[in-house]
């Protein structure tokens, strides 16, 4: 029997007049493996997906001033080698304030040691896993629909 864990993944972006296109938040992971990823985490017992997403965003990035734009019609499933468990993530498109300041002060697990706000093309280049690259492409298409 495969153990499963359910979680959330936030594709966090911000826009501003001085950006040509949305900037996406990518985090540099250092715990269990090294590379760039999107913000994600587990749903705790009794939590809704929205509550878990807001908690994970605050814990991993310090961001509070966010708007959940959409629960995307896609998911991500991956095997967590460290925990020996299958993770199934619900995916959300999340808008951060244009002046958002990222902080790792609330990340007691010390999962990340860096972050960057980057274009979709740059995120796709840097993200370690093909599934997260796919999610950035999906988010870009959703943003085009959201603006029209």
C-alpha atoms as a PDB file:
ATOM      1  CA  UNK A   1       0.000   0.000   0.000  1.00  0.00           C
ATOM      2  CA  UNK A   2       1.292   3.453  -0.939  1.00  0.00           C
ATOM      3  CA  UNK A   3       1.042   6.102   1.755  1.00  0.00           C
ATOM      4  CA  UNK A   4      -0.454   9.361   0.450  1.00  0.00           C
ATOM      5  CA  UNK A   5      -0.161  12.917   1.653  1.00  0.00           C
ATOM      6  CA  UNK A   6      -2.328  15.716   0.310  1.00  0.00           C
ATOM      7  CA  UNK A   7      -1.016  19.197  -0.085  1.00  0.00           C
ATOM      8  CA  UNK A   8      -1.133  22.502  -1.882  1.00  0.00           C
ATOM      9  CA  UNK A   9       1.168  24.304  -4.293  1.00  0.00           C
ATOM     10  CA  UNK A  10       1.015  28.043  -4.838  1.00  0.00           C
ATOM     11  CA  UNK A  11       2.160  29.574  -8.099  1.00  0.00           C
ATOM     12  CA  UNK A  12       2.792  33.019  -6.668  1.00  0.00           C
ATOM     13  CA  UNK A  13       3.162  35.997  -8.960  1.00  0.00           C
ATOM     14  CA  UNK A  14       3.191  39.758  -8.775  1.00  0.00           C
ATOM     15  CA  UNK A  15       2.674  42.487 -11.320  1.00  0.00           C
ATOM     16  CA  UNK A  16       3.683  46.131 -11.399  1.00  0.00           C
ATOM     17  CA  UNK A  17       3.822  48.959 -13.916  1.00  0.00           C
ATOM     18  CA  UNK A  18       7.592  48.539 -14.262  1.00  0.00           C
ATOM     19  CA  UNK A  19       7.333  44.810 -15.129  1.00  0.00           C
ATOM     20  CA  UNK A  20       6.713  43.827 -18.742  1.00  0.00           C
ATOM     21  CA  UNK A  21       5.185  40.556 -17.559  1.00  0.00           C
ATOM     22  CA  UNK A  22       4.251  38.886 -14.274  1.00  0.00           C
ATOM     23  CA  UNK A  23       7.111  37.910 -11.988  1.00  0.00           C
ATOM     24  CA  UNK A  24       6.919  34.466 -10.375  1.00  0.00           C
ATOM     25  CA  UNK A  25       8.305  33.534  -6.969  1.00  0.00           C
ATOM     26  CA  UNK A  26      10.736  30.635  -7.017  1.00  0.00           C
ATOM     27  CA  UNK A  27      12.429  29.289  -3.908  1.00  0.00           C
ATOM     28  CA  UNK A  28      15.860  27.704  -3.661  1.00  0.00           C
ATOM     29  CA  UNK A  29      15.501  24.477  -1.697  1.00  0.00           C
ATOM     30  CA  UNK A  30      18.281  23.171   0.509  1.00  0.00           C
ATOM     31  CA  UNK A  31      16.499  20.517   2.620  1.00  0.00           C
ATOM     32  CA  UNK A  32      16.766  16.925   1.246  1.00  0.00           C
ATOM     33  CA  UNK A  33      17.775  18.175  -2.234  1.00  0.00           C
ATOM     34  CA  UNK A  34      19.077  21.352  -3.838  1.00  0.00           C
ATOM     35  CA  UNK A  35      17.430  23.353  -6.606  1.00  0.00           C
ATOM     36  CA  UNK A  36      14.668  25.791  -7.475  1.00  0.00           C
ATOM     37  CA  UNK A  37      11.028  24.992  -6.744  1.00  0.00           C
ATOM     38  CA  UNK A  38       7.581  26.489  -6.290  1.00  0.00           C
ATOM     39  CA  UNK A  39       6.073  26.948  -2.842  1.00  0.00           C
ATOM     40  CA  UNK A  40       4.290  23.848  -1.594  1.00  0.00           C
ATOM     41  CA  UNK A  41       3.331  22.020   1.566  1.00  0.00           C
ATOM     42  CA  UNK A  42       1.020  19.569   3.264  1.00  0.00           C
ATOM     43  CA  UNK A  43      -2.531  19.995   4.452  1.00  0.00           C
ATOM     44  CA  UNK A  44      -2.775  19.480   8.202  1.00  0.00           C
ATOM     45  CA  UNK A  45      -5.648  17.570   9.771  1.00  0.00           C
ATOM     46  CA  UNK A  46      -8.824  19.657   9.814  1.00  0.00           C
ATOM     47  CA  UNK A  47      -7.479  22.316   7.425  1.00  0.00           C
ATOM     48  CA  UNK A  48      -9.169  23.388   4.217  1.00  0.00           C
ATOM     49  CA  UNK A  49      -7.010  23.743   1.112  1.00  0.00           C
ATOM     50  CA  UNK A  50      -7.303  27.551   1.264  1.00  0.00           C
ATOM     51  CA  UNK A  51      -6.246  27.629   4.919  1.00  0.00           C
ATOM     52  CA  UNK A  52      -3.323  25.277   4.256  1.00  0.00           C
ATOM     53  CA  UNK A  53      -2.241  27.370   1.273  1.00  0.00           C
ATOM     54  CA  UNK A  54      -2.284  30.615   3.265  1.00  0.00           C
ATOM     55  CA  UNK A  55      -0.406  28.969   6.158  1.00  0.00           C
ATOM     56  CA  UNK A  56       2.251  27.460   3.856  1.00  0.00           C
ATOM     57  CA  UNK A  57       2.713  30.760   2.011  1.00  0.00           C
ATOM     58  CA  UNK A  58       3.240  32.584   5.303  1.00  0.00           C
ATOM     59  CA  UNK A  59       5.525  29.894   6.769  1.00  0.00           C
ATOM     60  CA  UNK A  60       7.719  29.533   3.677  1.00  0.00           C
ATOM     61  CA  UNK A  61       7.772  33.113   2.391  1.00  0.00           C
ATOM     62  CA  UNK A  62       6.413  35.429   5.089  1.00  0.00           C
ATOM     63  CA  UNK A  63       3.816  36.765   2.626  1.00  0.00           C
ATOM     64  CA  UNK A  64       0.402  37.655   4.066  1.00  0.00           C
ATOM     65  CA  UNK A  65      -0.993  40.177   1.580  1.00  0.00           C
ATOM     66  CA  UNK A  66      -2.064  37.682  -1.087  1.00  0.00           C
ATOM     67  CA  UNK A  67      -5.074  37.009  -3.263  1.00  0.00           C
ATOM     68  CA  UNK A  68      -5.965  33.473  -4.264  1.00  0.00           C
ATOM     69  CA  UNK A  69      -6.910  34.023  -7.900  1.00  0.00           C
ATOM     70  CA  UNK A  70      -7.937  30.514  -8.853  1.00  0.00           C
ATOM     71  CA  UNK A  71      -7.803  26.850  -7.915  1.00  0.00           C
ATOM     72  CA  UNK A  72      -6.306  25.537 -11.156  1.00  0.00           C
ATOM     73  CA  UNK A  73      -7.777  22.589 -12.996  1.00  0.00           C
ATOM     74  CA  UNK A  74      -4.606  20.527 -12.701  1.00  0.00           C
ATOM     75  CA  UNK A  75      -2.654  18.740  -9.996  1.00  0.00           C
ATOM     76  CA  UNK A  76       0.812  17.426  -9.316  1.00  0.00           C
ATOM     77  CA  UNK A  77       1.704  14.007  -7.943  1.00  0.00           C
ATOM     78  CA  UNK A  78       5.245  13.140  -6.895  1.00  0.00           C
ATOM     79  CA  UNK A  79       7.141  10.682  -4.728  1.00  0.00           C
ATOM     80  CA  UNK A  80       8.831  12.158  -1.658  1.00  0.00           C
ATOM     81  CA  UNK A  81      11.974  10.047  -1.209  1.00  0.00           C
ATOM     82  CA  UNK A  82      12.800  11.453   2.223  1.00  0.00           C
ATOM     83  CA  UNK A  83       9.369  10.653   3.688  1.00  0.00           C
ATOM     84  CA  UNK A  84       8.724   7.626   1.454  1.00  0.00           C
ATOM     85  CA  UNK A  85       5.261   8.886   0.646  1.00  0.00           C
ATOM     86  CA  UNK A  86       3.291   9.927  -2.439  1.00  0.00           C
ATOM     87  CA  UNK A  87       2.212  13.572  -2.450  1.00  0.00           C
ATOM     88  CA  UNK A  88      -0.814  14.816  -4.353  1.00  0.00           C
ATOM     89  CA  UNK A  89      -0.960  18.600  -4.621  1.00  0.00           C
ATOM     90  CA  UNK A  90      -3.838  20.902  -5.503  1.00  0.00           C
ATOM     91  CA  UNK A  91      -2.539  23.854  -7.507  1.00  0.00           C
ATOM     92  CA  UNK A  92      -3.451  27.499  -6.922  1.00  0.00           C
ATOM     93  CA  UNK A  93      -2.658  30.706  -8.756  1.00  0.00           C
ATOM     94  CA  UNK A  94      -1.857  33.348  -6.136  1.00  0.00           C
ATOM     95  CA  UNK A  95      -1.234  37.067  -6.565  1.00  0.00           C
ATOM     96  CA  UNK A  96       1.121  38.816  -4.164  1.00  0.00           C
ATOM     97  CA  UNK A  97       1.249  42.548  -3.546  1.00  0.00           C
ATOM     98  CA  UNK A  98       3.619  44.304  -5.964  1.00  0.00           C
ATOM     99  CA  UNK A  99       5.730  45.457  -2.979  1.00  0.00           C
ATOM    100  CA  UNK A 100       5.790  42.000  -1.384  1.00  0.00           C
ATOM    101  CA  UNK A 101       8.820  41.292   0.786  1.00  0.00           C
ATOM    102  CA  UNK A 102       9.805  37.644   1.153  1.00  0.00           C
ATOM    103  CA  UNK A 103      11.137  36.470   4.523  1.00  0.00           C
ATOM    104  CA  UNK A 104      12.222  33.064   5.803  1.00  0.00           C
ATOM    105  CA  UNK A 105      11.808  34.024   9.482  1.00  0.00           C
ATOM    106  CA  UNK A 106       8.721  31.795   9.901  1.00  0.00           C
ATOM    107  CA  UNK A 107      10.234  28.799   8.100  1.00  0.00           C
ATOM    108  CA  UNK A 108      11.269  26.710  11.095  1.00  0.00           C
ATOM    109  CA  UNK A 109      12.026  23.713   8.845  1.00  0.00           C
ATOM    110  CA  UNK A 110      14.689  25.818   7.083  1.00  0.00           C
ATOM    111  CA  UNK A 111      13.757  24.326   3.724  1.00  0.00           C
ATOM    112  CA  UNK A 112      15.002  27.241   1.604  1.00  0.00           C
ATOM    113  CA  UNK A 113      18.063  29.451   1.476  1.00  0.00           C
ATOM    114  CA  UNK A 114      17.097  31.821  -1.315  1.00  0.00           C
ATOM    115  CA  UNK A 115      14.328  33.179  -3.488  1.00  0.00           C
ATOM    116  CA  UNK A 116      13.887  35.214  -6.640  1.00  0.00           C
ATOM    117  CA  UNK A 117      11.067  36.921  -8.507  1.00  0.00           C
ATOM    118  CA  UNK A 118      11.576  35.953 -12.153  1.00  0.00           C
ATOM    119  CA  UNK A 119       9.802  35.938 -15.504  1.00  0.00           C
ATOM    120  CA  UNK A 120       7.976  32.801 -16.617  1.00  0.00           C
ATOM    121  CA  UNK A 121      10.770  32.007 -19.080  1.00  0.00           C
ATOM    122  CA  UNK A 122      13.412  32.321 -16.358  1.00  0.00           C
ATOM    123  CA  UNK A 123      11.337  30.213 -13.932  1.00  0.00           C
ATOM    124  CA  UNK A 124      11.039  27.476 -16.557  1.00  0.00           C
ATOM    125  CA  UNK A 125      14.819  27.534 -17.050  1.00  0.00           C
ATOM    126  CA  UNK A 126      15.612  27.333 -13.340  1.00  0.00           C
ATOM    127  CA  UNK A 127      12.958  25.032 -11.887  1.00  0.00           C
ATOM    128  CA  UNK A 128      14.408  21.597 -11.245  1.00  0.00           C
ATOM    129  CA  UNK A 129      11.444  19.386 -12.126  1.00  0.00           C
ATOM    130  CA  UNK A 130       9.488  19.165 -15.378  1.00  0.00           C
ATOM    131  CA  UNK A 131       6.145  19.103 -13.548  1.00  0.00           C
ATOM    132  CA  UNK A 132       6.763  22.529 -12.017  1.00  0.00           C
ATOM    133  CA  UNK A 133       7.895  23.874 -15.395  1.00  0.00           C
ATOM    134  CA  UNK A 134       4.563  22.618 -16.797  1.00  0.00           C
ATOM    135  CA  UNK A 135       2.718  24.433 -14.022  1.00  0.00           C
ATOM    136  CA  UNK A 136       4.366  27.769 -14.884  1.00  0.00           C
ATOM    137  CA  UNK A 137       3.255  27.352 -18.512  1.00  0.00           C
ATOM    138  CA  UNK A 138      -0.250  26.494 -17.296  1.00  0.00           C
ATOM    139  CA  UNK A 139      -0.273  29.588 -15.040  1.00  0.00           C
ATOM    140  CA  UNK A 140       0.784  31.872 -17.902  1.00  0.00           C
ATOM    141  CA  UNK A 141      -2.166  30.632 -19.988  1.00  0.00           C
ATOM    142  CA  UNK A 142      -4.534  31.097 -17.045  1.00  0.00           C
ATOM    143  CA  UNK A 143      -3.290  34.657 -16.534  1.00  0.00           C
ATOM    144  CA  UNK A 144      -3.975  35.440 -20.190  1.00  0.00           C
ATOM    145  CA  UNK A 145      -7.558  34.207 -19.738  1.00  0.00           C
ATOM    146  CA  UNK A 146      -7.920  36.045 -16.438  1.00  0.00           C
ATOM    147  CA  UNK A 147      -6.959  39.369 -18.042  1.00  0.00           C
ATOM    148  CA  UNK A 148      -9.295  39.030 -21.023  1.00  0.00           C
END
